[in-house]
Protein backbone atom coordinates (compact mmCIF):
# COMPACT_ATOMS: atom_id res chain seq x y z
CA MET A 1 -15.34 -6.81 14.96
CA THR A 2 -15.33 -5.37 18.45
CA MET A 3 -13.00 -2.39 17.96
CA ASP A 4 -13.99 1.21 18.44
CA LEU A 5 -13.40 3.68 15.60
CA ASN A 6 -9.95 4.78 16.81
CA GLU A 7 -8.80 1.15 17.09
CA GLN A 8 -10.11 0.43 13.58
CA VAL A 9 -8.23 3.42 12.14
CA THR A 10 -5.06 2.35 13.97
CA ALA A 11 -5.42 -1.17 12.55
CA VAL A 12 -5.82 0.27 9.03
CA HIS A 13 -2.68 2.39 9.47
CA ALA A 14 -0.82 -0.77 10.55
CA VAL A 15 -1.31 -2.21 7.04
CA PHE A 16 0.63 0.68 5.54
CA ASP A 17 3.34 0.56 8.20
CA ALA A 18 3.81 -3.18 7.62
CA THR A 19 3.83 -3.02 3.81
CA SER A 20 6.28 -0.09 3.89
CA SER A 21 8.55 -2.05 6.23
CA ALA A 22 8.41 -5.15 4.02
CA TRP A 23 9.15 -2.97 0.97
CA ALA A 24 12.21 -1.45 2.68
CA ASP A 25 13.38 -4.98 3.52
CA GLY A 26 12.81 -6.12 -0.08
CA ASP A 27 10.66 -8.94 1.33
CA ALA A 28 7.98 -9.88 -1.22
CA ASP A 29 6.51 -12.59 1.04
CA ALA A 30 6.02 -10.21 3.97
CA PHE A 31 4.70 -7.58 1.56
CA VAL A 32 1.98 -9.78 0.05
CA ASP A 33 1.03 -11.18 3.44
CA TRP A 34 -1.06 -7.99 3.73
CA TYR A 35 -2.96 -8.70 0.49
CA ALA A 36 -6.06 -10.88 0.13
CA GLU A 37 -5.63 -14.07 -1.86
CA ASP A 38 -7.54 -12.65 -4.84
CA ALA A 39 -6.36 -9.01 -4.52
CA THR A 40 -6.11 -6.76 -7.57
CA VAL A 41 -3.35 -4.19 -8.07
CA ILE A 42 -3.69 -1.63 -10.88
CA LEU A 43 -0.51 0.23 -11.80
CA PRO A 44 0.20 2.48 -14.77
CA GLY A 45 0.10 0.20 -17.80
CA PHE A 46 -0.71 -3.13 -16.16
CA ALA A 47 -2.74 -5.07 -13.63
CA LEU A 48 -1.70 -7.76 -11.16
CA ARG A 49 -4.29 -10.32 -10.17
CA GLY A 50 -4.00 -12.40 -7.05
CA ARG A 51 -1.46 -12.71 -4.29
CA ALA A 52 0.81 -15.06 -6.28
CA ASP A 53 1.04 -12.61 -9.21
CA ILE A 54 1.70 -9.71 -6.84
CA ARG A 55 4.39 -11.72 -4.99
CA THR A 56 6.16 -12.68 -8.23
CA ASN A 57 6.14 -9.16 -9.64
CA MET A 58 7.18 -7.50 -6.39
CA GLY A 59 9.92 -10.08 -5.81
CA ASP A 60 11.30 -9.32 -9.28
CA ALA A 61 11.02 -5.57 -8.66
CA PHE A 62 12.69 -5.78 -5.22
CA ALA A 63 15.57 -7.72 -6.78
CA GLY A 64 15.78 -5.32 -9.74
CA PRO A 65 14.60 -1.74 -10.24
CA LEU A 66 13.22 -1.30 -6.69
CA LYS A 67 16.26 -2.81 -4.92
CA GLY A 68 17.08 -0.72 -1.87
CA SER A 69 14.08 1.57 -2.31
CA LYS A 70 11.59 2.63 0.35
CA ARG A 71 7.89 3.31 0.05
CA LEU A 72 6.11 5.80 2.28
CA HIS A 73 2.33 6.02 2.51
CA VAL A 74 0.67 8.95 4.25
CA VAL A 75 -2.97 8.14 4.92
CA GLN A 76 -5.17 11.01 3.76
CA ASP A 77 -8.58 9.50 4.43
CA VAL A 78 -10.17 6.36 5.88
CA ARG A 79 -13.83 5.64 5.27
CA PHE A 80 -15.55 2.55 6.64
CA LEU A 81 -18.33 1.13 4.48
CA GLY A 82 -19.38 -1.27 7.21
CA ASP A 83 -17.71 -3.40 9.85
CA ASP A 84 -15.57 -5.30 7.36
CA THR A 85 -14.75 -2.87 4.51
CA ALA A 86 -12.59 0.25 4.44
CA LEU A 87 -11.69 2.64 1.63
CA VAL A 88 -8.39 4.42 2.13
CA VAL A 89 -6.71 7.21 0.18
CA THR A 90 -2.97 7.66 0.56
CA ARG A 91 -0.35 10.02 -0.77
CA SER A 92 2.59 7.74 -1.47
CA VAL A 93 6.15 8.09 -2.68
CA THR A 94 9.09 5.81 -3.44
CA THR A 95 12.62 6.85 -2.58
CA PHE A 96 15.68 5.17 -4.04
CA PRO A 97 19.15 4.64 -2.57
CA ARG A 98 21.22 7.82 -2.45
CA GLU A 99 18.11 10.03 -2.63
CA ALA A 100 17.71 12.27 0.39
CA GLU A 101 14.24 13.09 -0.92
CA PRO A 102 12.30 11.82 -3.90
CA PRO A 103 12.43 13.96 -7.04
CA ALA A 104 9.70 16.58 -7.30
CA GLY A 105 6.54 15.31 -8.92
CA GLN A 106 7.04 11.66 -7.91
CA GLN A 107 4.20 11.44 -5.41
CA GLU A 108 1.18 9.29 -6.16
CA LEU A 109 -2.37 9.25 -4.91
CA ALA A 110 -3.72 5.79 -4.27
CA THR A 111 -7.07 4.28 -3.47
CA TRP A 112 -7.12 1.10 -1.43
CA ALA A 113 -10.04 -1.22 -0.68
CA LEU A 114 -9.42 -3.21 2.50
CA SER A 115 -11.48 -5.97 4.06
CA TRP A 116 -11.44 -7.58 7.48
CA HIS A 117 -10.02 -11.12 7.43
CA GLU A 118 -9.62 -13.18 10.58
CA GLY A 119 -8.63 -10.32 12.86
CA ARG A 120 -6.81 -7.96 10.50
CA TRP A 121 -7.26 -5.74 7.47
CA LEU A 122 -6.05 -7.00 4.08
CA VAL A 123 -5.75 -5.18 0.78
CA GLU A 124 -8.41 -6.28 -1.71
CA ALA A 125 -7.66 -3.67 -4.38
CA TYR A 126 -5.13 -0.95 -5.04
CA HIS A 127 -4.94 1.71 -7.74
CA SER A 128 -2.52 4.61 -8.02
CA CYS A 129 -2.01 7.63 -10.21
CA ALA A 130 0.32 10.62 -10.33
CA ALA A 131 -0.46 13.21 -7.66
CA GLY A 132 -0.60 16.94 -8.07
CA PRO A 133 0.99 19.28 -5.55
CA ASP A 134 0.40 18.37 -1.92
CA PRO A 135 -2.18 20.89 -0.64
CA ALA A 136 -0.68 20.58 2.87
CA ALA A 137 2.78 21.67 1.66
């Protein structure tokens, strides 16, 4: 990779912009395009393994309980473990139709492991949990 640090951070942020956009569009294919083939997603109560499993579950969710929702990720920290691996912490929230703002207490903290694949960052692993109060608020 021949990017300087600022370019690398910008490229990492692009992953979250793209997945948030795909989420808002309800587009499971565009959403999982940012996940590695063998990615792992850990959510409260279950795990998704591999891009196909993630695509199926997100497609069902976008057509059902997440229909019309939006997902916002605010990057809190990016740490590079080498040229091809990044650990990212986000504060994330989902808003649903007719919500001006998400209900209090709905924010999550998430840890993401990203790796460099053929010119872009892809999600290798994701894990989220309920967040406490935002210290910046």
